[in-house]
Amino acid sequence: ITGDFNGDRRTDMGMMYRQPDGTMKM
């Protein structure tokens, strides 16, 4: 996903990643 995640007025990239053990990390 994209959005300004730190409030600096620049669009950043967010990622949800599924680890091999099933854990999902942002």
PDB file of all heavy atoms in Angstrom:
ATOM      1  N   ILE A   1       0.860  -1.184   0.000  1.00  0.00           N
ATOM      2  CA  ILE A   1       0.000   0.000   0.000  1.00  0.00           C
ATOM      3  C   ILE A   1       0.895   1.233   0.000  1.00  0.00           C
ATOM      4  O   ILE A   1       2.076   1.154   0.336  1.00  0.00           O
ATOM      5  CB  ILE A   1      -0.960   0.055   1.207  1.00  0.00           C
ATOM      6  CG1 ILE A   1      -0.186  -0.030   2.528  1.00  0.00           C
ATOM      7  CG2 ILE A   1      -2.012  -1.027   1.121  1.00  0.00           C
ATOM      8  CD1 ILE A   1      -1.030   0.241   3.752  1.00  0.00           C
ATOM      9  N   THR A   2       0.325   2.369  -0.380  1.00  0.00           N
ATOM     10  CA  THR A   2       1.051   3.631  -0.314  1.00  0.00           C
ATOM     11  C   THR A   2       0.298   4.604   0.565  1.00  0.00           C
ATOM     12  O   THR A   2      -0.920   4.525   0.710  1.00  0.00           O
ATOM     13  CB  THR A   2       1.249   4.248  -1.711  1.00  0.00           C
ATOM     14  OG1 THR A   2      -0.036   4.421  -2.330  1.00  0.00           O
ATOM     15  CG2 THR A   2       2.133   3.383  -2.582  1.00  0.00           C
ATOM     16  N   GLY A   3       1.028   5.532   1.158  1.00  0.00           N
ATOM     17  CA  GLY A   3       0.455   6.569   1.998  1.00  0.00           C
ATOM     18  C   GLY A   3       1.576   7.324   2.689  1.00  0.00           C
ATOM     19  O   GLY A   3       2.722   6.875   2.714  1.00  0.00           O
ATOM     20  N   ASP A   4       1.257   8.460   3.266  1.00  0.00           N
ATOM     21  CA  ASP A   4       2.248   9.234   4.018  1.00  0.00           C
ATOM     22  C   ASP A   4       2.232   8.732   5.454  1.00  0.00           C
ATOM     23  O   ASP A   4       1.463   9.187   6.279  1.00  0.00           O
ATOM     24  CB  ASP A   4       1.920  10.720   3.954  1.00  0.00           C
ATOM     25  CG  ASP A   4       2.923  11.579   4.696  1.00  0.00           C
ATOM     26  OD1 ASP A   4       3.934  11.029   5.189  1.00  0.00           O
ATOM     27  OD2 ASP A   4       2.691  12.791   4.797  1.00  0.00           O
ATOM     28  N   PHE A   5       3.093   7.785   5.769  1.00  0.00           N
ATOM     29  CA  PHE A   5       3.049   7.105   7.051  1.00  0.00           C
ATOM     30  C   PHE A   5       3.779   7.837   8.172  1.00  0.00           C
ATOM     31  O   PHE A   5       3.570   7.530   9.335  1.00  0.00           O
ATOM     32  CB  PHE A   5       3.587   5.673   6.916  1.00  0.00           C
ATOM     33  CG  PHE A   5       2.804   4.860   5.929  1.00  0.00           C
ATOM     34  CD1 PHE A   5       3.431   4.277   4.853  1.00  0.00           C
ATOM     35  CD2 PHE A   5       1.434   4.705   6.055  1.00  0.00           C
ATOM     36  CE1 PHE A   5       2.704   3.537   3.927  1.00  0.00           C
ATOM     37  CE2 PHE A   5       0.697   3.978   5.140  1.00  0.00           C
ATOM     38  CZ  PHE A   5       1.335   3.390   4.072  1.00  0.00           C
ATOM     39  N   ASN A   6       4.633   8.797   7.844  1.00  0.00           N
ATOM     40  CA  ASN A   6       5.346   9.518   8.900  1.00  0.00           C
ATOM     41  C   ASN A   6       5.038  11.014   8.928  1.00  0.00           C
ATOM     42  O   ASN A   6       5.644  11.757   9.678  1.00  0.00           O
ATOM     43  CB  ASN A   6       6.862   9.286   8.797  1.00  0.00           C
ATOM     44  CG  ASN A   6       7.448   9.821   7.514  1.00  0.00           C
ATOM     45  OD1 ASN A   6       6.727  10.187   6.588  1.00  0.00           O
ATOM     46  ND2 ASN A   6       8.769   9.851   7.435  1.00  0.00           N
ATOM     47  N   GLY A   7       4.079  11.467   8.114  1.00  0.00           N
ATOM     48  CA  GLY A   7       3.626  12.854   8.159  1.00  0.00           C
ATOM     49  C   GLY A   7       4.561  13.875   7.538  1.00  0.00           C
ATOM     50  O   GLY A   7       4.432  15.066   7.820  1.00  0.00           O
ATOM     51  N   ASP A   8       5.468  13.464   6.659  1.00  0.00           N
ATOM     52  CA  ASP A   8       6.404  14.408   6.046  1.00  0.00           C
ATOM     53  C   ASP A   8       5.936  14.919   4.684  1.00  0.00           C
ATOM     54  O   ASP A   8       6.674  15.577   3.982  1.00  0.00           O
ATOM     55  CB  ASP A   8       7.804  13.806   5.933  1.00  0.00           C
ATOM     56  CG  ASP A   8       7.862  12.606   4.994  1.00  0.00           C
ATOM     57  OD1 ASP A   8       6.819  12.216   4.422  1.00  0.00           O
ATOM     58  OD2 ASP A   8       8.962  12.040   4.839  1.00  0.00           O
ATOM     59  N   ARG A   9       4.704  14.591   4.315  1.00  0.00           N
ATOM     60  CA  ARG A   9       4.083  15.007   3.048  1.00  0.00           C
ATOM     61  C   ARG A   9       4.681  14.325   1.823  1.00  0.00           C
ATOM     62  O   ARG A   9       4.554  14.811   0.704  1.00  0.00           O
ATOM     63  CB  ARG A   9       4.098  16.523   2.886  1.00  0.00           C
ATOM     64  CG  ARG A   9       3.296  17.200   3.958  1.00  0.00           C
ATOM     65  CD  ARG A   9       3.168  18.645   3.751  1.00  0.00           C
ATOM     66  NE  ARG A   9       2.383  19.179   4.863  1.00  0.00           N
ATOM     67  CZ  ARG A   9       2.067  20.416   4.998  1.00  0.00           C
ATOM     68  NH1 ARG A   9       2.451  21.287   4.102  1.00  0.00           N
ATOM     69  NH2 ARG A   9       1.356  20.813   6.025  1.00  0.00           N
ATOM     70  N   ARG A  10       5.353  13.187   2.057  1.00  0.00           N
ATOM     71  CA  ARG A  10       5.835  12.356   0.952  1.00  0.00           C
ATOM     72  C   ARG A  10       5.170  10.989   1.088  1.00  0.00           C
ATOM     73  O   ARG A  10       5.038  10.449   2.184  1.00  0.00           O
ATOM     74  CB  ARG A  10       7.358  12.210   0.992  1.00  0.00           C
ATOM     75  CG  ARG A  10       8.092  13.511   0.706  1.00  0.00           C
ATOM     76  CD  ARG A  10       9.578  13.291   0.505  1.00  0.00           C
ATOM     77  NE  ARG A  10      10.231  12.697   1.643  1.00  0.00           N
ATOM     78  CZ  ARG A  10      10.856  13.359   2.604  1.00  0.00           C
ATOM     79  NH1 ARG A  10      10.876  14.676   2.596  1.00  0.00           N
ATOM     80  NH2 ARG A  10      11.456  12.716   3.586  1.00  0.00           N
ATOM     81  N   THR A  11       4.770  10.424  -0.040  1.00  0.00           N
ATOM     82  CA  THR A  11       4.124   9.124  -0.040  1.00  0.00           C
ATOM     83  C   THR A  11       5.170   8.026   0.161  1.00  0.00           C
ATOM     84  O   THR A  11       6.159   7.966  -0.560  1.00  0.00           O
ATOM     85  CB  THR A  11       3.363   8.893  -1.359  1.00  0.00           C
ATOM     86  OG1 THR A  11       2.355   9.914  -1.475  1.00  0.00           O
ATOM     87  CG2 THR A  11       2.687   7.535  -1.383  1.00  0.00           C
ATOM     88  N   ASP A  12       4.917   7.180   1.146  1.00  0.00           N
ATOM     89  CA  ASP A  12       5.798   6.067   1.493  1.00  0.00           C
ATOM     90  C   ASP A  12       5.151   4.774   1.016  1.00  0.00           C
ATOM     91  O   ASP A  12       4.025   4.777   0.516  1.00  0.00           O
ATOM     92  CB  ASP A  12       5.995   6.016   3.015  1.00  0.00           C
ATOM     93  CG  ASP A  12       6.398   7.358   3.593  1.00  0.00           C
ATOM     94  OD1 ASP A  12       7.414   7.907   3.131  1.00  0.00           O
ATOM     95  OD2 ASP A  12       5.696   7.861   4.493  1.00  0.00           O
ATOM     96  N   MET A  13       5.846   3.665   1.193  1.00  0.00           N
ATOM     97  CA  MET A  13       5.294   2.363   0.837  1.00  0.00           C
ATOM     98  C   MET A  13       5.190   1.515   2.096  1.00  0.00           C
ATOM     99  O   MET A  13       6.135   1.438   2.880  1.00  0.00           O
ATOM    100  CB  MET A  13       6.177   1.672  -0.197  1.00  0.00           C
ATOM    101  CG  MET A  13       5.613   0.345  -0.645  1.00  0.00           C
ATOM    102  SD  MET A  13       5.790  -0.009  -2.407  1.00  0.00           S
ATOM    103  CE  MET A  13       4.961   1.316  -3.221  1.00  0.00           C
ATOM    104  N   GLY A  14       4.017   0.921   2.288  1.00  0.00           N
ATOM    105  CA  GLY A  14       3.800  -0.011   3.380  1.00  0.00           C
ATOM    106  C   GLY A  14       3.674  -1.410   2.805  1.00  0.00           C
ATOM    107  O   GLY A  14       3.190  -1.596   1.683  1.00  0.00           O
ATOM    108  N   MET A  15       4.116  -2.381   3.565  1.00  0.00           N
ATOM    109  CA  MET A  15       4.058  -3.750   3.085  1.00  0.00           C
ATOM    110  C   MET A  15       3.667  -4.683   4.221  1.00  0.00           C
ATOM    111  O   MET A  15       4.201  -4.603   5.315  1.00  0.00           O
ATOM    112  CB  MET A  15       5.425  -4.193   2.539  1.00  0.00           C
ATOM    113  CG  MET A  15       5.472  -5.667   2.140  1.00  0.00           C
ATOM    114  SD  MET A  15       7.077  -6.208   1.497  1.00  0.00           S
ATOM    115  CE  MET A  15       8.156  -5.885   2.852  1.00  0.00           C
ATOM    116  N   MET A  16       2.706  -5.553   3.931  1.00  0.00           N
ATOM    117  CA  MET A  16       2.438  -6.684   4.811  1.00  0.00           C
ATOM    118  C   MET A  16       3.139  -7.863   4.162  1.00  0.00           C
ATOM    119  O   MET A  16       2.980  -8.104   2.965  1.00  0.00           O
ATOM    120  CB  MET A  16       0.944  -6.961   4.941  1.00  0.00           C
ATOM    121  CG  MET A  16       0.634  -8.157   5.831  1.00  0.00           C
ATOM    122  SD  MET A  16      -1.138  -8.447   5.991  1.00  0.00           S
ATOM    123  CE  MET A  16      -1.505  -7.367   7.363  1.00  0.00           C
ATOM    124  N   TYR A  17       3.944  -8.562   4.961  1.00  0.00           N
ATOM    125  CA  TYR A  17       4.728  -9.677   4.427  1.00  0.00           C
ATOM    126  C   TYR A  17       4.438 -10.927   5.251  1.00  0.00           C
ATOM    127  O   TYR A  17       4.524 -10.907   6.477  1.00  0.00           O
ATOM    128  CB  TYR A  17       6.226  -9.363   4.465  1.00  0.00           C
ATOM    129  CG  TYR A  17       7.054 -10.376   3.724  1.00  0.00           C
ATOM    130  CD1 TYR A  17       7.232 -10.277   2.360  1.00  0.00           C
ATOM    131  CD2 TYR A  17       7.634 -11.446   4.387  1.00  0.00           C
ATOM    132  CE1 TYR A  17       7.983 -11.212   1.662  1.00  0.00           C
ATOM    133  CE2 TYR A  17       8.390 -12.392   3.703  1.00  0.00           C
ATOM    134  CZ  TYR A  17       8.556 -12.270   2.341  1.00  0.00           C
ATOM    135  OH  TYR A  17       9.293 -13.194   1.656  1.00  0.00           O
ATOM    136  N   ARG A  18       4.095 -11.991   4.553  1.00  0.00           N
ATOM    137  CA  ARG A  18       3.820 -13.274   5.208  1.00  0.00           C
ATOM    138  C   ARG A  18       5.118 -14.058   5.330  1.00  0.00           C
ATOM    139  O   ARG A  18       5.721 -14.468   4.340  1.00  0.00           O
ATOM    140  CB  ARG A  18       2.785 -14.060   4.404  1.00  0.00           C
ATOM    141  CG  ARG A  18       2.393 -15.390   5.063  1.00  0.00           C
ATOM    142  CD  ARG A  18       1.437 -16.164   4.199  1.00  0.00           C
ATOM    143  NE  ARG A  18       2.097 -16.448   2.921  1.00  0.00           N
ATOM    144  CZ  ARG A  18       1.468 -16.704   1.790  1.00  0.00           C
ATOM    145  NH1 ARG A  18       0.156 -16.706   1.731  1.00  0.00           N
ATOM    146  NH2 ARG A  18       2.123 -16.958   0.682  1.00  0.00           N
ATOM    147  N   GLN A  19       5.545 -14.262   6.577  1.00  0.00           N
ATOM    148  CA  GLN A  19       6.764 -15.022   6.861  1.00  0.00           C
ATOM    149  C   GLN A  19       6.503 -16.505   6.619  1.00  0.00           C
ATOM    150  O   GLN A  19       5.359 -16.961   6.674  1.00  0.00           O
ATOM    151  CB  GLN A  19       7.193 -14.799   8.318  1.00  0.00           C
ATOM    152  CG  GLN A  19       7.413 -13.352   8.702  1.00  0.00           C
ATOM    153  CD  GLN A  19       8.603 -12.729   8.002  1.00  0.00           C
ATOM    154  OE1 GLN A  19       9.592 -13.390   7.713  1.00  0.00           O
ATOM    155  NE2 GLN A  19       8.512 -11.434   7.726  1.00  0.00           N
ATOM    156  N   PRO A  20       7.545 -17.289   6.373  1.00  0.00           N
ATOM    157  CA  PRO A  20       7.364 -18.732   6.147  1.00  0.00           C
ATOM    158  C   PRO A  20       6.633 -19.458   7.287  1.00  0.00           C
ATOM    159  O   PRO A  20       5.924 -20.427   7.050  1.00  0.00           O
ATOM    160  CB  PRO A  20       8.799 -19.251   6.000  1.00  0.00           C
ATOM    161  CG  PRO A  20       9.567 -18.076   5.498  1.00  0.00           C
ATOM    162  CD  PRO A  20       8.943 -16.880   6.168  1.00  0.00           C
ATOM    163  N   ASP A  21       6.754 -18.949   8.529  1.00  0.00           N
ATOM    164  CA  ASP A  21       6.078 -19.599   9.657  1.00  0.00           C
ATOM    165  C   ASP A  21       4.628 -19.153   9.833  1.00  0.00           C
ATOM    166  O   ASP A  21       3.950 -19.582  10.752  1.00  0.00           O
ATOM    167  CB  ASP A  21       6.857 -19.365  10.958  1.00  0.00           C
ATOM    168  CG  ASP A  21       6.801 -17.920  11.445  1.00  0.00           C
ATOM    169  OD1 ASP A  21       6.213 -17.049  10.755  1.00  0.00           O
ATOM    170  OD2 ASP A  21       7.361 -17.650  12.529  1.00  0.00           O
ATOM    171  N   GLY A  22       4.133 -18.263   8.941  1.00  0.00           N
ATOM    172  CA  GLY A  22       2.760 -17.783   9.011  1.00  0.00           C
ATOM    173  C   GLY A  22       2.604 -16.449   9.714  1.00  0.00           C
ATOM    174  O   GLY A  22       1.535 -15.844   9.672  1.00  0.00           O
ATOM    175  N   THR A  23       3.638 -15.962  10.370  1.00  0.00           N
ATOM    176  CA  THR A  23       3.611 -14.628  10.973  1.00  0.00           C
ATOM    177  C   THR A  23       3.458 -13.594   9.858  1.00  0.00           C
ATOM    178  O   THR A  23       4.058 -13.734   8.797  1.00  0.00           O
ATOM    179  CB  THR A  23       4.915 -14.363  11.755  1.00  0.00           C
ATOM    180  OG1 THR A  23       5.061 -15.352  12.758  1.00  0.00           O
ATOM    181  CG2 THR A  23       4.922 -12.985  12.378  1.00  0.00           C
ATOM    182  N   MET A  24       2.652 -12.565  10.109  1.00  0.00           N
ATOM    183  CA  MET A  24       2.488 -11.491   9.130  1.00  0.00           C
ATOM    184  C   MET A  24       3.051 -10.212   9.735  1.00  0.00           C
ATOM    185  O   MET A  24       2.606  -9.776  10.793  1.00  0.00           O
ATOM    186  CB  MET A  24       1.016 -11.321   8.771  1.00  0.00           C
ATOM    187  CG  MET A  24       0.467 -12.510   8.036  1.00  0.00           C
ATOM    188  SD  MET A  24      -1.250 -12.264   7.615  1.00  0.00           S
ATOM    189  CE  MET A  24      -1.850 -13.937   7.797  1.00  0.00           C
ATOM    190  N   LYS A  25       4.046  -9.653   9.069  1.00  0.00           N
ATOM    191  CA  LYS A  25       4.714  -8.454   9.565  1.00  0.00           C
ATOM    192  C   LYS A  25       4.383  -7.262   8.685  1.00  0.00           C
ATOM    193  O   LYS A  25       4.285  -7.376   7.470  1.00  0.00           O
ATOM    194  CB  LYS A  25       6.229  -8.646   9.592  1.00  0.00           C
ATOM    195  CG  LYS A  25       6.724  -9.535  10.690  1.00  0.00           C
ATOM    196  CD  LYS A  25       8.247  -9.474  10.763  1.00  0.00           C
ATOM    197  CE  LYS A  25       8.752 -10.256  11.953  1.00  0.00           C
ATOM    198  NZ  LYS A  25      10.212 -10.144  12.065  1.00  0.00           N
ATOM    199  N   MET A  26       4.248  -6.119   9.327  1.00  0.00           N
ATOM    200  CA  MET A  26       4.102  -4.853   8.614  1.00  0.00           C
ATOM    201  C   MET A  26       5.467  -4.190   8.545  1.00  0.00           C
ATOM    202  O   MET A  26       6.218  -4.178   9.521  1.00  0.00           O
ATOM    203  CB  MET A  26       3.120  -3.920   9.324  1.00  0.00           C
ATOM    204  CG  MET A  26       1.669  -4.336   9.204  1.00  0.00           C
ATOM    205  SD  MET A  26       1.040  -4.434   7.512  1.00  0.00           S
ATOM    206  CE  MET A  26       1.197  -2.756   6.934  1.00  0.00           C
TER     207      MET A  26
END
